[in-house]
Amino acid sequence: MQTVDVAILGASGYTALELIKILLRHPNVRITAATSRDDAHPLVSDLHPSLLGRLDIRTEEFDADAIADRAQAAFLALPHGAAQAAAAPLLERGVKVFDLSADYRLKNPVTYAEWYGAPHADTTNLAHAVYGLPEIYRDSIRQAKLVAVPGCYPTSVILALAPLLAGDLVRETSIIIDSKSGVSGAGRTPKLPYHYPECNESISAYNVGKHRHTPEIEQILSDVSRSPVHVIFTPHLTPMDRGILSTSYAGLTRAINPVALREAYREFYADEPFVRIVDQAPATKHVAHTNFCNIAVHVVRDRVVVVSVIDNLIKGASGQAVQCFNLAHGFAETTGLFG
């Protein structure tokens, strides 16, 4: 049985914890290295006590040569900016990279600089990065050396809207997206808005009209549509640990029967192991701790309303990264992702 040695870069966060838990049950993976910026170099199980006795390797500073000596693939659970600094030397040394940051998602470096506040430092590899949404780019992921794992909000939205745009069923400039995310989407580093007394028993919109996932959503939906797509995207913080619920609204280009529309969705995703078209109202608990995306589609007057739910840490991050890893290494796509 083929075994791939992998490294986890940025082992301290929520995303890394979920990634490690998935990889520990993956029959074709051995975790051989983990990095952290903590000068004390704690054990992974010190960072995540739930892993005690399961992964007790010591974290280390990033060194491309040391990682390449012990791993054929690396998962980058790093902030934007830091990820590209690590990806480039690893790629030079023949390590496949699965980047969970935003560094390689936007194909235009000018757009990246505009939305992330700094120029892109690795435009050479950016040109070859593959967007890691298997339901849209599966064949390209199989050949990829560098996979840009999608953001959590974009995953929930793109999967919800792709059948409509691919079928020319909605107007490209009519799309309005209302998304709600659990607090873990903000990461593990303490910040005032996510402090318990601030966010509990409250819901708030943030970054209205200027959230960094907006150009990512528009880029991929434009690719699916084969024409420019422009959206209004408003995210909200909700007082739950995990999960995303996105409700997307769009104007139909022609009248369509709701039953026929649901069947069109089922046909579009017929061969997708992690997309489920449901009749009941989706809830985040229906997909919590799984790699599934549940989608319900409705016709309301001359508009379509699509509700989608994912676990932001799994299908919105770590599970999707492993799905891409499986494709890039020739494993069954679902390996390690049921359990």
Protein backbone atom coordinates (compact mmCIF):
# COMPACT_ATOMS: atom_id res chain seq x y z
CA MET A 1 0.00 0.00 0.00
CA GLN A 2 1.35 3.39 -1.00
CA THR A 3 2.10 5.69 1.92
CA VAL A 4 2.68 9.43 1.55
CA ASP A 5 4.68 11.26 4.21
CA VAL A 6 3.14 14.65 4.89
CA ALA A 7 3.99 17.80 6.82
CA ILE A 8 1.56 20.18 8.50
CA LEU A 9 2.76 23.79 8.40
CA GLY A 10 1.02 25.93 11.00
CA ALA A 11 -0.06 23.18 13.36
CA SER A 12 -1.63 25.28 16.12
CA GLY A 13 -4.97 26.36 14.60
CA TYR A 14 -8.44 24.89 14.39
CA THR A 15 -7.96 24.01 10.72
CA ALA A 16 -4.76 22.13 11.50
CA LEU A 17 -6.48 20.15 14.25
CA GLU A 18 -9.24 19.01 11.91
CA LEU A 19 -6.69 18.21 9.22
CA ILE A 20 -4.62 16.09 11.60
CA LYS A 21 -7.68 14.17 12.80
CA ILE A 22 -8.60 13.32 9.21
CA LEU A 23 -5.06 12.34 8.25
CA LEU A 24 -4.63 10.12 11.31
CA ARG A 25 -7.43 7.90 9.98
CA HIS A 26 -6.17 8.04 6.38
CA PRO A 27 -4.66 4.63 5.52
CA ASN A 28 -2.18 6.10 3.02
CA VAL A 29 -0.74 8.93 5.12
CA ARG A 30 2.00 9.25 7.70
CA ILE A 31 2.43 12.65 9.41
CA THR A 32 6.17 13.17 9.71
CA ALA A 33 6.57 16.88 10.51
CA ALA A 34 4.65 19.82 11.94
CA THR A 35 5.70 23.43 12.21
CA SER A 36 4.81 26.19 14.63
CA ARG A 37 6.04 29.72 15.26
CA ASP A 38 6.16 28.97 18.99
CA ASP A 39 9.80 29.25 20.09
CA ALA A 40 9.21 26.57 22.73
CA HIS A 41 8.55 23.97 19.97
CA PRO A 42 5.68 22.25 21.82
CA LEU A 43 4.41 18.79 21.02
CA VAL A 44 1.42 18.74 18.69
CA SER A 45 -0.49 17.11 21.53
CA ASP A 46 0.39 20.09 23.76
CA LEU A 47 -1.21 22.41 21.22
CA HIS A 48 -4.22 20.11 20.84
CA PRO A 49 -4.72 17.98 23.97
CA SER A 50 -7.30 15.80 22.22
CA LEU A 51 -4.41 14.36 20.19
CA LEU A 52 -2.53 13.07 23.24
CA GLY A 53 -1.23 9.61 22.43
CA ARG A 54 -2.23 10.00 18.79
CA LEU A 55 0.30 12.53 17.48
CA ASP A 56 3.04 13.42 19.94
CA ILE A 57 5.67 14.69 17.50
CA ARG A 58 7.37 17.96 18.39
CA THR A 59 6.74 21.04 16.30
CA GLU A 60 9.65 22.83 14.67
CA GLU A 61 10.55 25.99 12.83
CA PHE A 62 10.00 25.91 9.08
CA ASP A 63 13.00 24.75 7.11
CA ALA A 64 12.34 23.78 3.49
CA ASP A 65 15.23 21.31 3.29
CA ALA A 66 14.22 19.56 6.51
CA ILE A 67 10.59 19.29 5.40
CA ALA A 68 11.50 18.05 1.92
CA ASP A 69 13.72 15.35 3.44
CA ARG A 70 10.76 13.93 5.38
CA ALA A 71 7.65 14.70 3.34
CA GLN A 72 6.35 14.32 -0.19
CA ALA A 73 3.38 16.61 0.46
CA ALA A 74 2.74 19.60 2.71
CA PHE A 75 -0.48 21.14 3.95
CA LEU A 76 -0.11 24.87 4.60
CA ALA A 77 -2.42 26.03 7.40
CA LEU A 78 -0.70 29.42 7.44
CA PRO A 79 -1.86 33.04 7.15
CA HIS A 80 -1.83 34.68 3.73
CA GLY A 81 1.62 36.03 2.95
CA ALA A 82 3.34 33.40 5.07
CA ALA A 83 1.97 30.61 2.89
CA GLN A 84 3.58 31.83 -0.34
CA ALA A 85 6.91 32.23 1.45
CA ALA A 86 6.78 28.54 2.39
CA ALA A 87 5.20 27.17 -0.77
CA ALA A 88 7.83 28.40 -3.22
CA PRO A 89 10.86 26.64 -1.65
CA LEU A 90 8.88 23.46 -1.06
CA LEU A 91 7.78 23.33 -4.69
CA GLU A 92 11.38 23.85 -5.77
CA ARG A 93 12.28 20.74 -3.78
CA GLY A 94 9.55 18.61 -5.35
CA VAL A 95 7.04 18.69 -2.49
CA LYS A 96 3.38 18.87 -3.47
CA VAL A 97 1.67 21.77 -1.73
CA PHE A 98 -1.94 22.06 -0.56
CA ASP A 99 -2.37 25.65 0.58
CA LEU A 100 -5.31 26.47 2.82
CA SER A 101 -4.57 30.21 2.82
CA ALA A 102 -5.74 32.71 0.21
CA ASP A 103 -2.31 33.14 -1.39
CA TYR A 104 -2.91 31.15 -4.57
CA ARG A 105 -6.67 31.42 -5.05
CA LEU A 106 -6.82 34.67 -7.03
CA LYS A 107 -5.26 34.28 -10.46
CA ASN A 108 -4.64 37.99 -10.99
CA PRO A 109 -1.82 39.29 -8.73
CA VAL A 110 -3.19 42.81 -9.05
CA THR A 111 -6.49 41.64 -7.59
CA TYR A 112 -4.62 39.87 -4.81
CA ALA A 113 -2.70 43.04 -3.92
CA GLU A 114 -5.90 45.09 -3.96
CA TRP A 115 -7.79 42.81 -1.57
CA TYR A 116 -4.96 41.55 0.64
CA GLY A 117 -2.94 44.74 0.95
CA ALA A 118 0.44 43.49 -0.29
CA PRO A 119 1.93 42.47 -3.63
CA HIS A 120 2.10 38.78 -4.44
CA ALA A 121 5.65 37.50 -4.02
CA ASP A 122 5.34 34.25 -5.99
CA THR A 123 3.64 35.02 -9.28
CA THR A 124 5.53 32.20 -11.03
CA ASN A 125 3.81 29.50 -8.97
CA LEU A 126 0.57 31.49 -8.86
CA ALA A 127 0.27 30.99 -12.62
CA HIS A 128 0.30 27.21 -12.15
CA ALA A 129 -1.87 26.89 -9.06
CA VAL A 130 -5.09 24.91 -9.39
CA TYR A 131 -8.20 25.99 -7.52
CA GLY A 132 -9.05 23.09 -5.24
CA LEU A 133 -12.79 22.66 -5.68
CA PRO A 134 -13.08 19.07 -6.93
CA GLU A 135 -16.67 19.43 -8.10
CA ILE A 136 -15.49 21.97 -10.70
CA TYR A 137 -11.77 21.32 -11.26
CA ARG A 138 -11.31 17.61 -10.54
CA ASP A 139 -9.24 16.76 -13.63
CA SER A 140 -6.86 19.68 -13.09
CA ILE A 141 -6.39 18.79 -9.41
CA ARG A 142 -5.29 15.29 -10.38
CA GLN A 143 -2.29 16.79 -12.22
CA ALA A 144 -1.53 19.59 -9.78
CA LYS A 145 1.63 20.23 -7.80
CA LEU A 146 0.13 23.28 -6.07
CA VAL A 147 -3.51 23.32 -5.00
CA ALA A 148 -5.19 26.47 -3.69
CA VAL A 149 -7.79 25.09 -1.31
CA PRO A 150 -10.90 27.32 -1.51
CA GLY A 151 -12.17 29.59 1.22
CA CYS A 152 -15.07 28.44 3.36
CA TYR A 153 -17.58 31.07 2.25
CA PRO A 154 -16.74 30.58 -1.46
CA THR A 155 -17.15 26.82 -1.20
CA SER A 156 -20.68 27.17 0.20
CA VAL A 157 -21.62 29.76 -2.42
CA ILE A 158 -19.96 28.36 -5.54
CA LEU A 159 -21.46 24.90 -5.05
CA ALA A 160 -24.87 26.50 -4.53
CA LEU A 161 -24.76 28.64 -7.67
CA ALA A 162 -22.69 26.63 -10.17
CA PRO A 163 -25.59 24.65 -11.68
CA LEU A 164 -27.54 27.87 -12.30
CA LEU A 165 -24.68 29.66 -14.03
CA ALA A 166 -23.51 26.63 -15.98
CA GLY A 167 -27.06 26.25 -17.30
CA ASP A 168 -27.52 29.97 -18.05
CA LEU A 169 -30.53 29.98 -15.73
CA VAL A 170 -29.79 33.23 -13.84
CA ARG A 171 -28.60 36.73 -14.68
CA GLU A 172 -24.91 37.15 -13.84
CA THR A 173 -25.40 40.57 -12.23
CA SER A 174 -28.45 39.67 -10.13
CA ILE A 175 -26.79 37.57 -7.43
CA ILE A 176 -27.08 38.51 -3.75
CA ILE A 177 -25.46 36.29 -1.12
CA ASP A 178 -26.20 36.28 2.61
CA SER A 179 -23.81 34.04 4.55
CA LYS A 180 -23.55 33.21 8.23
CA SER A 181 -20.51 31.62 9.83
CA GLY A 182 -19.58 30.17 13.18
CA VAL A 183 -16.88 31.81 15.29
CA SER A 184 -14.19 29.23 14.45
CA GLY A 185 -14.02 30.79 10.98
CA ALA A 186 -12.11 33.68 12.56
CA GLY A 187 -9.29 31.39 13.69
CA ARG A 188 -7.85 30.54 17.08
CA THR A 189 -6.00 33.77 17.80
CA PRO A 190 -8.05 35.79 20.33
CA LYS A 191 -9.71 38.95 19.00
CA LEU A 192 -12.23 41.19 20.75
CA PRO A 193 -15.25 40.63 18.42
CA TYR A 194 -14.98 36.86 19.00
CA HIS A 195 -14.60 37.07 22.79
CA TYR A 196 -17.50 35.14 24.39
CA PRO A 197 -19.27 38.15 25.96
CA GLU A 198 -19.05 40.02 22.65
CA CYS A 199 -20.42 37.39 20.25
CA ASN A 200 -22.67 35.18 22.38
CA GLU A 201 -26.40 35.85 22.04
CA SER A 202 -25.68 38.18 19.10
CA ILE A 203 -25.41 38.15 15.33
CA SER A 204 -23.64 40.79 13.29
CA ALA A 205 -22.76 41.58 9.70
CA TYR A 206 -19.19 42.52 8.91
CA ASN A 207 -17.05 43.67 5.97
CA VAL A 208 -20.19 44.54 4.02
CA GLY A 209 -19.23 44.94 0.36
CA LYS A 210 -15.53 44.45 1.04
CA HIS A 211 -15.00 40.90 2.28
CA ARG A 212 -11.87 39.33 0.79
CA HIS A 213 -13.77 36.29 -0.43
CA THR A 214 -15.78 38.41 -2.87
CA PRO A 215 -13.27 38.36 -5.76
CA GLU A 216 -12.70 34.64 -5.21
CA ILE A 217 -16.42 33.95 -5.53
CA GLU A 218 -16.68 36.13 -8.64
CA GLN A 219 -13.60 34.59 -10.27
CA ILE A 220 -14.81 31.00 -10.04
CA LEU A 221 -18.45 31.74 -10.84
CA SER A 222 -17.30 33.71 -13.91
CA ASP A 223 -15.28 30.68 -14.97
CA VAL A 224 -18.33 28.43 -14.58
CA SER A 225 -20.58 30.93 -16.37
CA ARG A 226 -18.04 31.72 -19.11
CA SER A 227 -18.98 35.38 -18.67
CA PRO A 228 -18.33 37.98 -15.92
CA VAL A 229 -20.28 37.48 -12.72
CA HIS A 230 -20.71 40.20 -10.10
CA VAL A 231 -22.19 39.53 -6.68
CA ILE A 232 -23.22 41.37 -3.55
CA PHE A 233 -21.82 39.33 -0.67
CA THR A 234 -22.58 39.99 2.99
CA PRO A 235 -21.10 37.73 5.69
CA HIS A 236 -22.40 37.48 9.26
CA LEU A 237 -20.90 36.21 12.49
CA THR A 238 -23.19 33.87 14.41
CA PRO A 239 -22.76 32.55 17.97
CA MET A 240 -21.99 28.93 17.13
CA ASP A 241 -18.69 27.05 17.07
CA ARG A 242 -18.69 25.90 13.46
CA GLY A 243 -20.68 25.83 10.25
CA ILE A 244 -21.72 28.11 7.39
CA LEU A 245 -25.20 28.70 6.03
CA SER A 246 -25.36 30.68 2.78
CA THR A 247 -28.57 31.88 1.20
CA SER A 248 -28.11 33.02 -2.40
CA TYR A 249 -30.69 34.93 -4.44
CA ALA A 250 -30.64 35.42 -8.20
CA GLY A 251 -33.00 36.53 -10.98
CA LEU A 252 -34.02 33.77 -13.38
CA THR A 253 -33.46 34.20 -17.11
CA ARG A 254 -36.62 32.20 -17.84
CA ALA A 255 -39.47 30.53 -16.04
CA ILE A 256 -38.65 27.10 -14.64
CA ASN A 257 -40.63 24.57 -12.68
CA PRO A 258 -39.24 24.11 -9.13
CA VAL A 259 -39.30 20.33 -9.44
CA ALA A 260 -37.41 20.50 -12.74
CA LEU A 261 -34.86 22.84 -11.16
CA ARG A 262 -34.22 20.43 -8.29
CA GLU A 263 -33.78 17.62 -10.78
CA ALA A 264 -31.29 19.76 -12.73
CA TYR A 265 -29.28 20.16 -9.52
CA ARG A 266 -29.38 16.44 -8.83
CA GLU A 267 -28.18 15.72 -12.34
CA PHE A 268 -25.37 18.30 -12.09
CA TYR A 269 -24.09 16.72 -8.88
CA ALA A 270 -25.07 13.11 -9.61
CA ASP A 271 -21.52 11.79 -9.35
CA GLU A 272 -20.35 13.99 -6.48
CA PRO A 273 -19.78 12.09 -3.24
CA PHE A 274 -19.98 15.15 -0.99
CA VAL A 275 -22.83 17.22 -2.44
CA ARG A 276 -26.36 16.36 -1.38
CA ILE A 277 -29.48 18.01 -2.85
CA VAL A 278 -32.11 18.01 -0.13
CA ASP A 279 -35.78 18.87 0.05
CA GLN A 280 -35.87 19.90 3.70
CA ALA A 281 -34.44 23.19 4.93
CA PRO A 282 -30.68 22.68 5.40
CA ALA A 283 -29.18 23.23 8.85
CA THR A 284 -25.53 23.46 9.83
CA LYS A 285 -25.93 20.55 12.26
CA HIS A 286 -26.83 18.31 9.31
CA VAL A 287 -23.26 18.60 8.02
CA ALA A 288 -21.25 19.34 11.19
CA HIS A 289 -17.96 17.40 11.40
CA THR A 290 -18.41 16.11 7.82
CA ASN A 291 -17.19 16.97 4.33
CA PHE A 292 -20.74 17.27 2.95
CA CYS A 293 -22.42 20.26 1.39
CA ASN A 294 -26.22 20.14 1.59
CA ILE A 295 -28.13 22.29 -0.90
CA ALA A 296 -31.82 23.15 -1.19
CA VAL A 297 -33.12 25.14 -4.17
CA HIS A 298 -36.41 27.04 -4.40
CA VAL A 299 -38.20 29.23 -6.92
CA VAL A 300 -39.84 32.31 -5.42
CA ARG A 301 -41.73 34.45 -7.95
CA ASP A 302 -39.17 35.18 -10.70
CA ARG A 303 -36.17 34.44 -8.53
CA VAL A 304 -34.29 31.40 -7.34
CA VAL A 305 -33.28 31.01 -3.70
CA VAL A 306 -30.53 28.52 -2.90
CA VAL A 307 -29.64 27.55 0.66
CA SER A 308 -26.39 25.69 1.27
CA VAL A 309 -24.65 24.48 4.42
CA ILE A 310 -21.15 23.22 5.11
CA ASP A 311 -18.84 22.71 8.05
CA ASN A 312 -16.41 25.61 7.62
CA LEU A 313 -13.51 23.63 9.09
CA ILE A 314 -14.10 20.46 7.02
CA LYS A 315 -15.61 21.01 3.56
CA GLY A 316 -14.63 24.66 3.97
CA ALA A 317 -11.00 23.84 4.71
CA SER A 318 -9.34 20.63 5.92
CA GLY A 319 -11.67 18.02 4.47
CA GLN A 320 -11.57 19.68 1.10
CA ALA A 321 -7.77 19.81 1.28
CA VAL A 322 -7.67 16.05 1.88
CA GLN A 323 -10.17 15.51 -0.95
CA CYS A 324 -7.71 17.34 -3.23
CA PHE A 325 -4.75 15.42 -1.77
CA ASN A 326 -6.51 12.15 -2.61
CA LEU A 327 -7.08 13.22 -6.21
CA ALA A 328 -3.50 14.42 -6.66
CA HIS A 329 -2.11 11.13 -5.36
CA GLY A 330 -4.46 8.74 -7.14
CA PHE A 331 -6.34 7.61 -4.02
CA ALA A 332 -10.09 7.17 -3.85
CA GLU A 333 -11.46 10.68 -3.40
CA THR A 334 -13.35 9.84 -0.22
CA THR A 335 -10.41 8.19 1.59
CA GLY A 336 -10.22 9.33 5.20
CA LEU A 337 -13.27 11.53 4.86
CA PHE A 338 -15.95 9.18 6.17
CA GLY A 339 -15.64 8.45 9.85
